[in-house]
Amino acid sequence: MNMTFYEYLNSRRVKKAEELLYNTKEMSITDVAMGSGFSSMSTFNRTFKMIKRCSPSDYRKIRQQAYEPEG
């Protein structure tokens, strides 16, 4: 798969953001963005949505609902 360095870097950053969104419920979306290497919220939101096809907050909600034990 051919990709530019910029595309590779953003894919790694979004992967890190995915982990933080799922594993750290107490972290704000802003903290997740900064913790995954983005320095701009608008860039983080745009890039995350382009790669994952949903916003970071929607991703967190979807993942948490999918793995909540029913009871």
PDB file of N, CA and C in Angstrom:
ATOM      1  N   MET A   1       0.843  -1.176   0.000  1.00  0.00           N
ATOM      2  CA  MET A   1       0.000   0.000   0.000  1.00  0.00           C
ATOM      3  C   MET A   1       0.888   1.240   0.000  1.00  0.00           C
ATOM      4  N   ASN A   2       0.773   2.042  -1.022  1.00  0.00           N
ATOM      5  CA  ASN A   2       1.573   3.256  -1.120  1.00  0.00           C
ATOM      6  C   ASN A   2       0.864   4.401  -0.419  1.00  0.00           C
ATOM      7  N   MET A   3       1.597   5.069   0.446  1.00  0.00           N
ATOM      8  CA  MET A   3       1.059   6.266   1.087  1.00  0.00           C
ATOM      9  C   MET A   3       2.202   7.214   1.376  1.00  0.00           C
ATOM     10  N   THR A   4       1.878   8.470   1.442  1.00  0.00           N
ATOM     11  CA  THR A   4       2.894   9.473   1.744  1.00  0.00           C
ATOM     12  C   THR A   4       3.233   9.402   3.223  1.00  0.00           C
ATOM     13  N   PHE A   5       4.330  10.029   3.590  1.00  0.00           N
ATOM     14  CA  PHE A   5       4.718  10.079   4.995  1.00  0.00           C
ATOM     15  C   PHE A   5       3.625  10.749   5.818  1.00  0.00           C
ATOM     16  N   TYR A   6       3.046  11.802   5.294  1.00  0.00           N
ATOM     17  CA  TYR A   6       1.982  12.531   5.978  1.00  0.00           C
ATOM     18  C   TYR A   6       0.777  11.627   6.226  1.00  0.00           C
ATOM     19  N   GLU A   7       0.384  10.846   5.224  1.00  0.00           N
ATOM     20  CA  GLU A   7      -0.735   9.916   5.382  1.00  0.00           C
ATOM     21  C   GLU A   7      -0.413   8.834   6.413  1.00  0.00           C
ATOM     22  N   TYR A   8       0.813   8.314   6.363  1.00  0.00           N
ATOM     23  CA  TYR A   8       1.246   7.309   7.333  1.00  0.00           C
ATOM     24  C   TYR A   8       1.212   7.877   8.757  1.00  0.00           C
ATOM     25  N   LEU A   9       1.758   9.066   8.913  1.00  0.00           N
ATOM     26  CA  LEU A   9       1.792   9.707  10.225  1.00  0.00           C
ATOM     27  C   LEU A   9       0.384   9.903  10.781  1.00  0.00           C
ATOM     28  N   ASN A  10      -0.513  10.393   9.951  1.00  0.00           N
ATOM     29  CA  ASN A  10      -1.891  10.601  10.405  1.00  0.00           C
ATOM     30  C   ASN A  10      -2.586   9.284  10.729  1.00  0.00           C
ATOM     31  N   SER A  11      -2.305   8.242   9.964  1.00  0.00           N
ATOM     32  CA  SER A  11      -2.925   6.945  10.262  1.00  0.00           C
ATOM     33  C   SER A  11      -2.437   6.417  11.610  1.00  0.00           C
ATOM     34  N   ARG A  12      -1.172   6.618  11.916  1.00  0.00           N
ATOM     35  CA  ARG A  12      -0.634   6.201  13.225  1.00  0.00           C
ATOM     36  C   ARG A  12      -1.242   7.036  14.348  1.00  0.00           C
ATOM     37  N   ARG A  13      -1.387   8.313  14.118  1.00  0.00           N
ATOM     38  CA  ARG A  13      -1.987   9.196  15.129  1.00  0.00           C
ATOM     39  C   ARG A  13      -3.440   8.811  15.396  1.00  0.00           C
ATOM     40  N   VAL A  14      -4.186   8.530  14.351  1.00  0.00           N
ATOM     41  CA  VAL A  14      -5.590   8.142  14.522  1.00  0.00           C
ATOM     42  C   VAL A  14      -5.674   6.794  15.242  1.00  0.00           C
ATOM     43  N   LYS A  15      -4.780   5.879  14.946  1.00  0.00           N
ATOM     44  CA  LYS A  15      -4.752   4.585  15.643  1.00  0.00           C
ATOM     45  C   LYS A  15      -4.522   4.802  17.138  1.00  0.00           C
ATOM     46  N   LYS A  16      -3.606   5.686  17.487  1.00  0.00           N
ATOM     47  CA  LYS A  16      -3.358   6.007  18.895  1.00  0.00           C
ATOM     48  C   LYS A  16      -4.595   6.650  19.516  1.00  0.00           C
ATOM     49  N   ALA A  17      -5.244   7.541  18.781  1.00  0.00           N
ATOM     50  CA  ALA A  17      -6.460   8.184  19.273  1.00  0.00           C
ATOM     51  C   ALA A  17      -7.554   7.146  19.523  1.00  0.00           C
ATOM     52  N   GLU A  18      -7.680   6.161  18.643  1.00  0.00           N
ATOM     53  CA  GLU A  18      -8.662   5.086  18.841  1.00  0.00           C
ATOM     54  C   GLU A  18      -8.430   4.385  20.181  1.00  0.00           C
ATOM     55  N   GLU A  19      -7.175   4.055  20.455  1.00  0.00           N
ATOM     56  CA  GLU A  19      -6.832   3.380  21.709  1.00  0.00           C
ATOM     57  C   GLU A  19      -7.192   4.258  22.903  1.00  0.00           C
ATOM     58  N   LEU A  20      -6.837   5.536  22.836  1.00  0.00           N
ATOM     59  CA  LEU A  20      -7.121   6.441  23.947  1.00  0.00           C
ATOM     60  C   LEU A  20      -8.623   6.643  24.134  1.00  0.00           C
ATOM     61  N   LEU A  21      -9.361   6.761  23.056  1.00  0.00           N
ATOM     62  CA  LEU A  21     -10.811   6.947  23.154  1.00  0.00           C
ATOM     63  C   LEU A  21     -11.478   5.745  23.808  1.00  0.00           C
ATOM     64  N   TYR A  22     -10.979   4.561  23.524  1.00  0.00           N
ATOM     65  CA  TYR A  22     -11.593   3.353  24.071  1.00  0.00           C
ATOM     66  C   TYR A  22     -11.124   3.055  25.500  1.00  0.00           C
ATOM     67  N   ASN A  23      -9.846   3.245  25.744  1.00  0.00           N
ATOM     68  CA  ASN A  23      -9.265   2.813  27.021  1.00  0.00           C
ATOM     69  C   ASN A  23      -9.290   3.859  28.120  1.00  0.00           C
ATOM     70  N   THR A  24      -9.486   5.118  27.788  1.00  0.00           N
ATOM     71  CA  THR A  24      -9.441   6.169  28.809  1.00  0.00           C
ATOM     72  C   THR A  24     -10.707   6.997  28.752  1.00  0.00           C
ATOM     73  N   LYS A  25     -11.729   6.509  29.415  1.00  0.00           N
ATOM     74  CA  LYS A  25     -13.023   7.184  29.383  1.00  0.00           C
ATOM     75  C   LYS A  25     -12.982   8.555  30.036  1.00  0.00           C
ATOM     76  N   GLU A  26     -12.038   8.756  30.941  1.00  0.00           N
ATOM     77  CA  GLU A  26     -11.968  10.037  31.649  1.00  0.00           C
ATOM     78  C   GLU A  26     -11.234  11.119  30.859  1.00  0.00           C
ATOM     79  N   MET A  27     -10.565  10.752  29.786  1.00  0.00           N
ATOM     80  CA  MET A  27      -9.848  11.738  28.960  1.00  0.00           C
ATOM     81  C   MET A  27     -10.824  12.490  28.068  1.00  0.00           C
ATOM     82  N   SER A  28     -10.666  13.794  28.000  1.00  0.00           N
ATOM     83  CA  SER A  28     -11.496  14.584  27.089  1.00  0.00           C
ATOM     84  C   SER A  28     -11.038  14.349  25.651  1.00  0.00           C
ATOM     85  N   ILE A  29     -11.882  14.704  24.706  1.00  0.00           N
ATOM     86  CA  ILE A  29     -11.525  14.570  23.290  1.00  0.00           C
ATOM     87  C   ILE A  29     -10.308  15.436  22.975  1.00  0.00           C
ATOM     88  N   THR A  30     -10.242  16.612  23.594  1.00  0.00           N
ATOM     89  CA  THR A  30      -9.073  17.490  23.390  1.00  0.00           C
ATOM     90  C   THR A  30      -7.804  16.817  23.884  1.00  0.00           C
ATOM     91  N   ASP A  31      -7.858  16.203  25.063  1.00  0.00           N
ATOM     92  CA  ASP A  31      -6.684  15.499  25.597  1.00  0.00           C
ATOM     93  C   ASP A  31      -6.288  14.325  24.709  1.00  0.00           C
ATOM     94  N   VAL A  32      -7.276  13.632  24.165  1.00  0.00           N
ATOM     95  CA  VAL A  32      -6.999  12.526  23.241  1.00  0.00           C
ATOM     96  C   VAL A  32      -6.286  13.060  22.000  1.00  0.00           C
ATOM     97  N   ALA A  33      -6.775  14.165  21.460  1.00  0.00           N
ATOM     98  CA  ALA A  33      -6.157  14.762  20.272  1.00  0.00           C
ATOM     99  C   ALA A  33      -4.698  15.119  20.543  1.00  0.00           C
ATOM    100  N   MET A  34      -4.468  15.808  21.637  1.00  0.00           N
ATOM    101  CA  MET A  34      -3.101  16.226  21.973  1.00  0.00           C
ATOM    102  C   MET A  34      -2.222  15.011  22.304  1.00  0.00           C
ATOM    103  N   GLY A  35      -2.811  14.019  22.983  1.00  0.00           N
ATOM    104  CA  GLY A  35      -2.068  12.819  23.361  1.00  0.00           C
ATOM    105  C   GLY A  35      -1.715  11.919  22.190  1.00  0.00           C
ATOM    106  N   SER A  36      -2.402  12.099  21.084  1.00  0.00           N
ATOM    107  CA  SER A  36      -2.102  11.278  19.909  1.00  0.00           C
ATOM    108  C   SER A  36      -1.294  12.036  18.861  1.00  0.00           C
ATOM    109  N   GLY A  37      -0.846  13.231  19.214  1.00  0.00           N
ATOM    110  CA  GLY A  37       0.091  13.936  18.342  1.00  0.00           C
ATOM    111  C   GLY A  37      -0.470  15.066  17.505  1.00  0.00           C
ATOM    112  N   PHE A  38      -1.748  15.366  17.663  1.00  0.00           N
ATOM    113  CA  PHE A  38      -2.336  16.478  16.912  1.00  0.00           C
ATOM    114  C   PHE A  38      -2.202  17.756  17.730  1.00  0.00           C
ATOM    115  N   SER A  39      -1.907  18.850  17.062  1.00  0.00           N
ATOM    116  CA  SER A  39      -1.781  20.127  17.768  1.00  0.00           C
ATOM    117  C   SER A  39      -2.974  21.041  17.498  1.00  0.00           C
ATOM    118  N   SER A  40      -3.900  20.571  16.688  1.00  0.00           N
ATOM    119  CA  SER A  40      -5.075  21.361  16.324  1.00  0.00           C
ATOM    120  C   SER A  40      -6.316  20.472  16.392  1.00  0.00           C
ATOM    121  N   MET A  41      -7.349  20.946  17.099  1.00  0.00           N
ATOM    122  CA  MET A  41      -8.582  20.183  17.203  1.00  0.00           C
ATOM    123  C   MET A  41      -9.270  20.052  15.847  1.00  0.00           C
ATOM    124  N   SER A  42      -9.239  21.108  15.052  1.00  0.00           N
ATOM    125  CA  SER A  42      -9.905  21.027  13.748  1.00  0.00           C
ATOM    126  C   SER A  42      -9.217  19.997  12.853  1.00  0.00           C
ATOM    127  N   THR A  43      -7.893  19.949  12.887  1.00  0.00           N
ATOM    128  CA  THR A  43      -7.159  18.949  12.106  1.00  0.00           C
ATOM    129  C   THR A  43      -7.439  17.550  12.630  1.00  0.00           C
ATOM    130  N   PHE A  44      -7.462  17.396  13.944  1.00  0.00           N
ATOM    131  CA  PHE A  44      -7.765  16.096  14.542  1.00  0.00           C
ATOM    132  C   PHE A  44      -9.148  15.617  14.115  1.00  0.00           C
ATOM    133  N   ASN A  45     -10.158  16.463  14.276  1.00  0.00           N
ATOM    134  CA  ASN A  45     -11.520  16.071  13.923  1.00  0.00           C
ATOM    135  C   ASN A  45     -11.652  15.735  12.440  1.00  0.00           C
ATOM    136  N   ARG A  46     -11.076  16.558  11.597  1.00  0.00           N
ATOM    137  CA  ARG A  46     -11.152  16.340  10.153  1.00  0.00           C
ATOM    138  C   ARG A  46     -10.451  15.036   9.754  1.00  0.00           C
ATOM    139  N   THR A  47      -9.246  14.825  10.280  1.00  0.00           N
ATOM    140  CA  THR A  47      -8.467  13.640   9.932  1.00  0.00           C
ATOM    141  C   THR A  47      -9.115  12.371  10.479  1.00  0.00           C
ATOM    142  N   PHE A  48      -9.565  12.420  11.730  1.00  0.00           N
ATOM    143  CA  PHE A  48     -10.212  11.254  12.335  1.00  0.00           C
ATOM    144  C   PHE A  48     -11.448  10.874  11.537  1.00  0.00           C
ATOM    145  N   LYS A  49     -12.260  11.862  11.200  1.00  0.00           N
ATOM    146  CA  LYS A  49     -13.504  11.601  10.462  1.00  0.00           C
ATOM    147  C   LYS A  49     -13.214  11.061   9.064  1.00  0.00           C
ATOM    148  N   MET A  50     -12.172  11.552   8.423  1.00  0.00           N
ATOM    149  CA  MET A  50     -11.812  11.087   7.088  1.00  0.00           C
ATOM    150  C   MET A  50     -11.397   9.605   7.129  1.00  0.00           C
ATOM    151  N   ILE A  51     -10.646   9.219   8.154  1.00  0.00           N
ATOM    152  CA  ILE A  51     -10.136   7.848   8.245  1.00  0.00           C
ATOM    153  C   ILE A  51     -11.171   6.885   8.820  1.00  0.00           C
ATOM    154  N   LYS A  52     -11.884   7.279   9.875  1.00  0.00           N
ATOM    155  CA  LYS A  52     -12.807   6.383  10.574  1.00  0.00           C
ATOM    156  C   LYS A  52     -14.262   6.543  10.155  1.00  0.00           C
ATOM    157  N   ARG A  53     -14.582   7.561   9.381  1.00  0.00           N
ATOM    158  CA  ARG A  53     -15.949   7.804   8.898  1.00  0.00           C
ATOM    159  C   ARG A  53     -16.937   8.151  10.009  1.00  0.00           C
ATOM    160  N   CYS A  54     -16.417   8.649  11.130  1.00  0.00           N
ATOM    161  CA  CYS A  54     -17.273   9.168  12.200  1.00  0.00           C
ATOM    162  C   CYS A  54     -16.424  10.099  13.060  1.00  0.00           C
ATOM    163  N   SER A  55     -17.073  10.912  13.857  1.00  0.00           N
ATOM    164  CA  SER A  55     -16.338  11.839  14.719  1.00  0.00           C
ATOM    165  C   SER A  55     -15.711  11.077  15.895  1.00  0.00           C
ATOM    166  N   PRO A  56     -14.700  11.655  16.532  1.00  0.00           N
ATOM    167  CA  PRO A  56     -14.101  10.998  17.697  1.00  0.00           C
ATOM    168  C   PRO A  56     -15.111  10.718  18.813  1.00  0.00           C
ATOM    169  N   SER A  57     -16.005  11.657  19.084  1.00  0.00           N
ATOM    170  CA  SER A  57     -16.983  11.427  20.154  1.00  0.00           C
ATOM    171  C   SER A  57     -17.979  10.333  19.768  1.00  0.00           C
ATOM    172  N   ASP A  58     -18.390  10.290  18.508  1.00  0.00           N
ATOM    173  CA  ASP A  58     -19.266   9.201  18.054  1.00  0.00           C
ATOM    174  C   ASP A  58     -18.544   7.857  18.131  1.00  0.00           C
ATOM    175  N   TYR A  59     -17.275   7.839  17.768  1.00  0.00           N
ATOM    176  CA  TYR A  59     -16.485   6.610  17.838  1.00  0.00           C
ATOM    177  C   TYR A  59     -16.449   6.092  19.275  1.00  0.00           C
ATOM    178  N   ARG A  60     -16.208   6.978  20.225  1.00  0.00           N
ATOM    179  CA  ARG A  60     -16.159   6.575  21.631  1.00  0.00           C
ATOM    180  C   ARG A  60     -17.500   5.986  22.072  1.00  0.00           C
ATOM    181  N   LYS A  61     -18.591   6.643  21.710  1.00  0.00           N
ATOM    182  CA  LYS A  61     -19.927   6.156  22.085  1.00  0.00           C
ATOM    183  C   LYS A  61     -20.210   4.786  21.473  1.00  0.00           C
ATOM    184  N   ILE A  62     -19.900   4.638  20.191  1.00  0.00           N
ATOM    185  CA  ILE A  62     -20.153   3.378  19.490  1.00  0.00           C
ATOM    186  C   ILE A  62     -19.352   2.248  20.118  1.00  0.00           C
ATOM    187  N   ARG A  63     -18.072   2.492  20.366  1.00  0.00           N
ATOM    188  CA  ARG A  63     -17.217   1.453  20.952  1.00  0.00           C
ATOM    189  C   ARG A  63     -17.665   1.072  22.356  1.00  0.00           C
ATOM    190  N   GLN A  64     -18.040   2.058  23.164  1.00  0.00           N
ATOM    191  CA  GLN A  64     -18.461   1.759  24.518  1.00  0.00           C
ATOM    192  C   GLN A  64     -19.784   0.992  24.525  1.00  0.00           C
ATOM    193  N   GLN A  65     -20.699   1.340  23.643  1.00  0.00           N
ATOM    194  CA  GLN A  65     -21.975   0.629  23.563  1.00  0.00           C
ATOM    195  C   GLN A  65     -21.767  -0.806  23.076  1.00  0.00           C
ATOM    196  N   ALA A  66     -20.858  -0.989  22.163  1.00  0.00           N
ATOM    197  CA  ALA A  66     -20.617  -2.312  21.600  1.00  0.00           C
ATOM    198  C   ALA A  66     -20.028  -3.272  22.629  1.00  0.00           C
ATOM    199  N   TYR A  67     -19.297  -2.753  23.601  1.00  0.00           N
ATOM    200  CA  TYR A  67     -18.624  -3.614  24.562  1.00  0.00           C
ATOM    201  C   TYR A  67     -19.157  -3.537  25.966  1.00  0.00           C
ATOM    202  N   GLU A  68     -20.284  -2.850  26.150  1.00  0.00           N
ATOM    203  CA  GLU A  68     -20.919  -2.827  27.471  1.00  0.00           C
ATOM    204  C   GLU A  68     -21.614  -4.153  27.707  1.00  0.00           C
ATOM    205  N   PRO A  69     -21.415  -4.741  28.867  1.00  0.00           N
ATOM    206  CA  PRO A  69     -22.128  -5.985  29.161  1.00  0.00           C
ATOM    207  C   PRO A  69     -23.619  -5.708  29.336  1.00  0.00           C
ATOM    208  N   GLU A  70     -24.415  -6.568  28.759  1.00  0.00           N
ATOM    209  CA  GLU A  70     -25.872  -6.408  28.893  1.00  0.00           C
ATOM    210  C   GLU A  70     -26.292  -6.996  30.227  1.00  0.00           C
ATOM    211  N   GLY A  71     -27.270  -6.376  30.814  1.00  0.00           N
ATOM    212  CA  GLY A  71     -27.679  -6.951  32.068  1.00  0.00           C
ATOM    213  C   GLY A  71     -28.758  -6.204  32.639  1.00  0.00           C
TER     214      GLY A  71
END
